[in-house]
């Protein structure tokens, strides 16, 4: 843990996973939509539309 703490203390920047900064309803939609993309059951356009719809519904 000391090594991790030292790393955080000296870092000038770190990035959270994208879904961690989103509202939970949107993050779940992102994760589900991306899973569909990787499974080959949705196109990139369908994934983008699904994520956009979730974001619009959670403004």
PDB file of N, CA and C in Angstrom:
ATOM      1  N   UNK A   1       0.816  -1.191   0.000  1.00  0.00           N
ATOM      2  CA  UNK A   1       0.000   0.000   0.000  1.00  0.00           C
ATOM      3  C   UNK A   1       0.862   1.258   0.000  1.00  0.00           C
ATOM      4  N   UNK A   2       2.008   1.198   0.643  1.00  0.00           N
ATOM      5  CA  UNK A   2       2.876   2.377   0.643  1.00  0.00           C
ATOM      6  C   UNK A   2       3.322   2.719  -0.772  1.00  0.00           C
ATOM      7  N   UNK A   3       3.576   1.707  -1.576  1.00  0.00           N
ATOM      8  CA  UNK A   3       3.976   1.930  -2.965  1.00  0.00           C
ATOM      9  C   UNK A   3       2.837   2.588  -3.751  1.00  0.00           C
ATOM     10  N   UNK A   4       1.626   2.130  -3.530  1.00  0.00           N
ATOM     11  CA  UNK A   4       0.463   2.719  -4.203  1.00  0.00           C
ATOM     12  C   UNK A   4       0.285   4.164  -3.754  1.00  0.00           C
ATOM     13  N   UNK A   5       0.376   4.403  -2.465  1.00  0.00           N
ATOM     14  CA  UNK A   5       0.231   5.758  -1.936  1.00  0.00           C
ATOM     15  C   UNK A   5       1.304   6.678  -2.508  1.00  0.00           C
ATOM     16  N   UNK A   6       2.515   6.206  -2.595  1.00  0.00           N
ATOM     17  CA  UNK A   6       3.598   7.015  -3.154  1.00  0.00           C
ATOM     18  C   UNK A   6       3.341   7.313  -4.630  1.00  0.00           C
ATOM     19  N   UNK A   7       2.829   6.338  -5.346  1.00  0.00           N
ATOM     20  CA  UNK A   7       2.506   6.552  -6.752  1.00  0.00           C
ATOM     21  C   UNK A   7       1.444   7.620  -6.938  1.00  0.00           C
ATOM     22  N   UNK A   8       0.389   7.553  -6.134  1.00  0.00           N
ATOM     23  CA  UNK A   8      -0.659   8.574  -6.214  1.00  0.00           C
ATOM     24  C   UNK A   8      -0.125   9.944  -5.820  1.00  0.00           C
ATOM     25  N   UNK A   9       0.704   9.987  -4.812  1.00  0.00           N
ATOM     26  CA  UNK A   9       1.234  11.266  -4.346  1.00  0.00           C
ATOM     27  C   UNK A   9       2.113  11.929  -5.396  1.00  0.00           C
ATOM     28  N   UNK A  10       2.822  11.146  -6.184  1.00  0.00           N
ATOM     29  CA  UNK A  10       3.730  11.729  -7.172  1.00  0.00           C
ATOM     30  C   UNK A  10       3.108  11.878  -8.559  1.00  0.00           C
ATOM     31  N   UNK A  11       1.931  11.341  -8.754  1.00  0.00           N
ATOM     32  CA  UNK A  11       1.290  11.417 -10.072  1.00  0.00           C
ATOM     33  C   UNK A  11       0.796  12.838 -10.346  1.00  0.00           C
ATOM     34  N   UNK A  12       0.972  13.264 -11.579  1.00  0.00           N
ATOM     35  CA  UNK A  12       0.432  14.563 -11.976  1.00  0.00           C
ATOM     36  C   UNK A  12      -0.964  14.410 -12.564  1.00  0.00           C
ATOM     37  N   UNK A  13      -1.361  13.177 -12.852  1.00  0.00           N
ATOM     38  CA  UNK A  13      -2.654  12.925 -13.483  1.00  0.00           C
ATOM     39  C   UNK A  13      -2.987  11.449 -13.356  1.00  0.00           C
ATOM     40  N   UNK A  14      -4.246  11.133 -13.209  1.00  0.00           N
ATOM     41  CA  UNK A  14      -4.692   9.750 -13.335  1.00  0.00           C
ATOM     42  C   UNK A  14      -6.100   9.753 -13.891  1.00  0.00           C
ATOM     43  N   UNK A  15      -6.456   8.696 -14.578  1.00  0.00           N
ATOM     44  CA  UNK A  15      -7.740   8.605 -15.261  1.00  0.00           C
ATOM     45  C   UNK A  15      -8.575   7.490 -14.657  1.00  0.00           C
ATOM     46  N   UNK A  16      -9.795   7.827 -14.285  1.00  0.00           N
ATOM     47  CA  UNK A  16     -10.743   6.814 -13.839  1.00  0.00           C
ATOM     48  C   UNK A  16     -11.303   6.091 -15.053  1.00  0.00           C
ATOM     49  N   UNK A  17     -11.832   4.902 -14.840  1.00  0.00           N
ATOM     50  CA  UNK A  17     -12.585   4.250 -15.902  1.00  0.00           C
ATOM     51  C   UNK A  17     -13.751   5.160 -16.259  1.00  0.00           C
ATOM     52  N   UNK A  18     -14.077   5.235 -17.552  1.00  0.00           N
ATOM     53  CA  UNK A  18     -15.096   6.169 -18.029  1.00  0.00           C
ATOM     54  C   UNK A  18     -16.421   6.002 -17.291  1.00  0.00           C
ATOM     55  N   UNK A  19     -16.820   4.767 -17.055  1.00  0.00           N
ATOM     56  CA  UNK A  19     -18.124   4.558 -16.416  1.00  0.00           C
ATOM     57  C   UNK A  19     -18.152   5.033 -14.962  1.00  0.00           C
ATOM     58  N   UNK A  20     -16.996   5.258 -14.361  1.00  0.00           N
ATOM     59  CA  UNK A  20     -16.952   5.689 -12.967  1.00  0.00           C
ATOM     60  C   UNK A  20     -17.331   7.149 -12.777  1.00  0.00           C
ATOM     61  N   UNK A  21     -17.259   7.948 -13.848  1.00  0.00           N
ATOM     62  CA  UNK A  21     -17.583   9.368 -13.718  1.00  0.00           C
ATOM     63  C   UNK A  21     -19.010   9.678 -14.165  1.00  0.00           C
ATOM     64  N   UNK A  22     -19.717   8.667 -14.634  1.00  0.00           N
ATOM     65  CA  UNK A  22     -21.078   8.846 -15.131  1.00  0.00           C
ATOM     66  C   UNK A  22     -22.100   8.503 -14.051  1.00  0.00           C
ATOM     67  N   UNK A  23     -23.313   9.053 -14.164  1.00  0.00           N
ATOM     68  CA  UNK A  23     -24.387   8.600 -13.265  1.00  0.00           C
ATOM     69  C   UNK A  23     -24.582   7.095 -13.433  1.00  0.00           C
ATOM     70  N   UNK A  24     -24.973   6.421 -12.389  1.00  0.00           N
ATOM     71  CA  UNK A  24     -25.028   4.952 -12.423  1.00  0.00           C
ATOM     72  C   UNK A  24     -25.934   4.413 -13.522  1.00  0.00           C
ATOM     73  N   UNK A  25     -27.051   5.075 -13.797  1.00  0.00           N
ATOM     74  CA  UNK A  25     -27.949   4.588 -14.854  1.00  0.00           C
ATOM     75  C   UNK A  25     -27.284   4.667 -16.221  1.00  0.00           C
ATOM     76  N   UNK A  26     -26.526   5.722 -16.451  1.00  0.00           N
ATOM     77  CA  UNK A  26     -25.830   5.874 -17.731  1.00  0.00           C
ATOM     78  C   UNK A  26     -24.653   4.904 -17.797  1.00  0.00           C
ATOM     79  N   UNK A  27     -23.929   4.777 -16.704  1.00  0.00           N
ATOM     80  CA  UNK A  27     -22.778   3.874 -16.683  1.00  0.00           C
ATOM     81  C   UNK A  27     -23.200   2.440 -16.976  1.00  0.00           C
ATOM     82  N   UNK A  28     -24.297   2.017 -16.407  1.00  0.00           N
ATOM     83  CA  UNK A  28     -24.795   0.670 -16.683  1.00  0.00           C
ATOM     84  C   UNK A  28     -25.137   0.487 -18.142  1.00  0.00           C
ATOM     85  N   UNK A  29     -25.730   1.514 -18.745  1.00  0.00           N
ATOM     86  CA  UNK A  29     -26.056   1.445 -20.169  1.00  0.00           C
ATOM     87  C   UNK A  29     -24.797   1.384 -21.021  1.00  0.00           C
ATOM     88  N   UNK A  30     -23.782   2.148 -20.647  1.00  0.00           N
ATOM     89  CA  UNK A  30     -22.510   2.107 -21.377  1.00  0.00           C
ATOM     90  C   UNK A  30     -21.934   0.699 -21.315  1.00  0.00           C
ATOM     91  N   UNK A  31     -21.874   0.135 -20.129  1.00  0.00           N
ATOM     92  CA  UNK A  31     -21.307  -1.211 -19.977  1.00  0.00           C
ATOM     93  C   UNK A  31     -22.101  -2.246 -20.765  1.00  0.00           C
ATOM     94  N   UNK A  32     -23.422  -2.172 -20.687  1.00  0.00           N
ATOM     95  CA  UNK A  32     -24.268  -3.129 -21.413  1.00  0.00           C
ATOM     96  C   UNK A  32     -24.121  -2.972 -22.919  1.00  0.00           C
ATOM     97  N   UNK A  33     -24.100  -1.726 -23.389  1.00  0.00           N
ATOM     98  CA  UNK A  33     -24.002  -1.475 -24.823  1.00  0.00           C
ATOM     99  C   UNK A  33     -22.653  -1.931 -25.375  1.00  0.00           C
ATOM    100  N   UNK A  34     -21.588  -1.664 -24.650  1.00  0.00           N
ATOM    101  CA  UNK A  34     -20.262  -2.085 -25.107  1.00  0.00           C
ATOM    102  C   UNK A  34     -20.161  -3.611 -25.121  1.00  0.00           C
ATOM    103  N   UNK A  35     -20.780  -4.256 -24.150  1.00  0.00           N
ATOM    104  CA  UNK A  35     -20.797  -5.727 -24.141  1.00  0.00           C
ATOM    105  C   UNK A  35     -21.497  -6.261 -25.388  1.00  0.00           C
ATOM    106  N   UNK A  36     -22.592  -5.610 -25.791  1.00  0.00           N
ATOM    107  CA  UNK A  36     -23.288  -6.024 -27.017  1.00  0.00           C
ATOM    108  C   UNK A  36     -22.393  -5.848 -28.239  1.00  0.00           C
ATOM    109  N   UNK A  37     -21.633  -4.768 -28.255  1.00  0.00           N
ATOM    110  CA  UNK A  37     -20.721  -4.523 -29.371  1.00  0.00           C
ATOM    111  C   UNK A  37     -19.685  -5.633 -29.466  1.00  0.00           C
ATOM    112  N   UNK A  38     -19.061  -5.963 -28.349  1.00  0.00           N
ATOM    113  CA  UNK A  38     -18.051  -7.019 -28.341  1.00  0.00           C
ATOM    114  C   UNK A  38     -18.647  -8.387 -28.649  1.00  0.00           C
ATOM    115  N   UNK A  39     -19.892  -8.602 -28.276  1.00  0.00           N
ATOM    116  CA  UNK A  39     -20.550  -9.882 -28.554  1.00  0.00           C
ATOM    117  C   UNK A  39     -21.017  -9.972 -30.001  1.00  0.00           C
ATOM    118  N   UNK A  40     -20.982  -8.855 -30.694  1.00  0.00           N
ATOM    119  CA  UNK A  40     -21.407  -8.847 -32.082  1.00  0.00           C
ATOM    120  C   UNK A  40     -22.910  -8.780 -32.268  1.00  0.00           C
ATOM    121  N   UNK A  41     -23.619  -8.395 -31.212  1.00  0.00           N
ATOM    122  CA  UNK A  41     -25.082  -8.336 -31.298  1.00  0.00           C
ATOM    123  C   UNK A  41     -25.597  -6.919 -31.515  1.00  0.00           C
ATOM    124  N   UNK A  42     -24.691  -5.953 -31.619  1.00  0.00           N
ATOM    125  CA  UNK A  42     -25.076  -4.569 -31.898  1.00  0.00           C
ATOM    126  C   UNK A  42     -23.989  -3.917 -32.734  1.00  0.00           C
ATOM    127  N   UNK A  43     -24.400  -2.990 -33.574  1.00  0.00           N
ATOM    128  CA  UNK A  43     -23.450  -2.231 -34.388  1.00  0.00           C
ATOM    129  C   UNK A  43     -22.941  -1.039 -33.583  1.00  0.00           C
ATOM    130  N   UNK A  44     -21.846  -0.430 -34.005  1.00  0.00           N
ATOM    131  CA  UNK A  44     -21.383   0.775 -33.318  1.00  0.00           C
ATOM    132  C   UNK A  44     -22.446   1.874 -33.285  1.00  0.00           C
ATOM    133  N   UNK A  45     -23.202   1.993 -34.363  1.00  0.00           N
ATOM    134  CA  UNK A  45     -24.256   2.996 -34.408  1.00  0.00           C
ATOM    135  C   UNK A  45     -25.357   2.703 -33.390  1.00  0.00           C
ATOM    136  N   UNK A  46     -25.711   1.441 -33.246  1.00  0.00           N
ATOM    137  CA  UNK A  46     -26.723   1.054 -32.258  1.00  0.00           C
ATOM    138  C   UNK A  46     -26.226   1.307 -30.839  1.00  0.00           C
ATOM    139  N   UNK A  47     -24.966   1.016 -30.612  1.00  0.00           N
ATOM    140  CA  UNK A  47     -24.371   1.248 -29.296  1.00  0.00           C
ATOM    141  C   UNK A  47     -24.380   2.740 -28.974  1.00  0.00           C
ATOM    142  N   UNK A  48     -23.965   3.553 -29.934  1.00  0.00           N
ATOM    143  CA  UNK A  48     -23.954   5.001 -29.717  1.00  0.00           C
ATOM    144  C   UNK A  48     -25.357   5.520 -29.429  1.00  0.00           C
ATOM    145  N   UNK A  49     -26.340   5.032 -30.166  1.00  0.00           N
ATOM    146  CA  UNK A  49     -27.725   5.466 -29.951  1.00  0.00           C
ATOM    147  C   UNK A  49     -28.226   5.051 -28.575  1.00  0.00           C
ATOM    148  N   UNK A  50     -27.875   3.853 -28.142  1.00  0.00           N
ATOM    149  CA  UNK A  50     -28.308   3.375 -26.823  1.00  0.00           C
ATOM    150  C   UNK A  50     -27.697   4.218 -25.705  1.00  0.00           C
ATOM    151  N   UNK A  51     -26.421   4.529 -25.843  1.00  0.00           N
ATOM    152  CA  UNK A  51     -25.752   5.347 -24.832  1.00  0.00           C
ATOM    153  C   UNK A  51     -26.324   6.763 -24.834  1.00  0.00           C
ATOM    154  N   UNK A  52     -26.565   7.311 -26.021  1.00  0.00           N
ATOM    155  CA  UNK A  52     -27.136   8.652 -26.111  1.00  0.00           C
ATOM    156  C   UNK A  52     -28.516   8.704 -25.471  1.00  0.00           C
ATOM    157  N   UNK A  53     -29.327   7.691 -25.719  1.00  0.00           N
ATOM    158  CA  UNK A  53     -30.670   7.641 -25.132  1.00  0.00           C
ATOM    159  C   UNK A  53     -30.594   7.601 -23.607  1.00  0.00           C
ATOM    160  N   UNK A  54     -29.663   6.831 -23.073  1.00  0.00           N
ATOM    161  CA  UNK A  54     -29.502   6.763 -21.615  1.00  0.00           C
ATOM    162  C   UNK A  54     -29.059   8.110 -21.062  1.00  0.00           C
ATOM    163  N   UNK A  55     -28.140   8.758 -21.753  1.00  0.00           N
ATOM    164  CA  UNK A  55     -27.670  10.070 -21.300  1.00  0.00           C
ATOM    165  C   UNK A  55     -28.799  11.095 -21.355  1.00  0.00           C
ATOM    166  N   UNK A  56     -29.575  11.074 -22.437  1.00  0.00           N
ATOM    167  CA  UNK A  56     -30.691  12.016 -22.568  1.00  0.00           C
ATOM    168  C   UNK A  56     -31.748  11.794 -21.486  1.00  0.00           C
ATOM    169  N   UNK A  57     -31.981  10.548 -21.130  1.00  0.00           N
ATOM    170  CA  UNK A  57     -32.983  10.224 -20.115  1.00  0.00           C
ATOM    171  C   UNK A  57     -32.519  10.576 -18.706  1.00  0.00           C
ATOM    172  N   UNK A  58     -31.232  10.812 -18.537  1.00  0.00           N
ATOM    173  CA  UNK A  58     -30.685  11.074 -17.200  1.00  0.00           C
ATOM    174  C   UNK A  58     -30.057  12.454 -17.089  1.00  0.00           C
ATOM    175  N   UNK A  59     -30.616  13.416 -17.794  1.00  0.00           N
ATOM    176  CA  UNK A  59     -30.092  14.793 -17.707  1.00  0.00           C
ATOM    177  C   UNK A  59     -30.562  15.456 -16.446  1.00  0.00           C
TER     178      UNK A  59
END
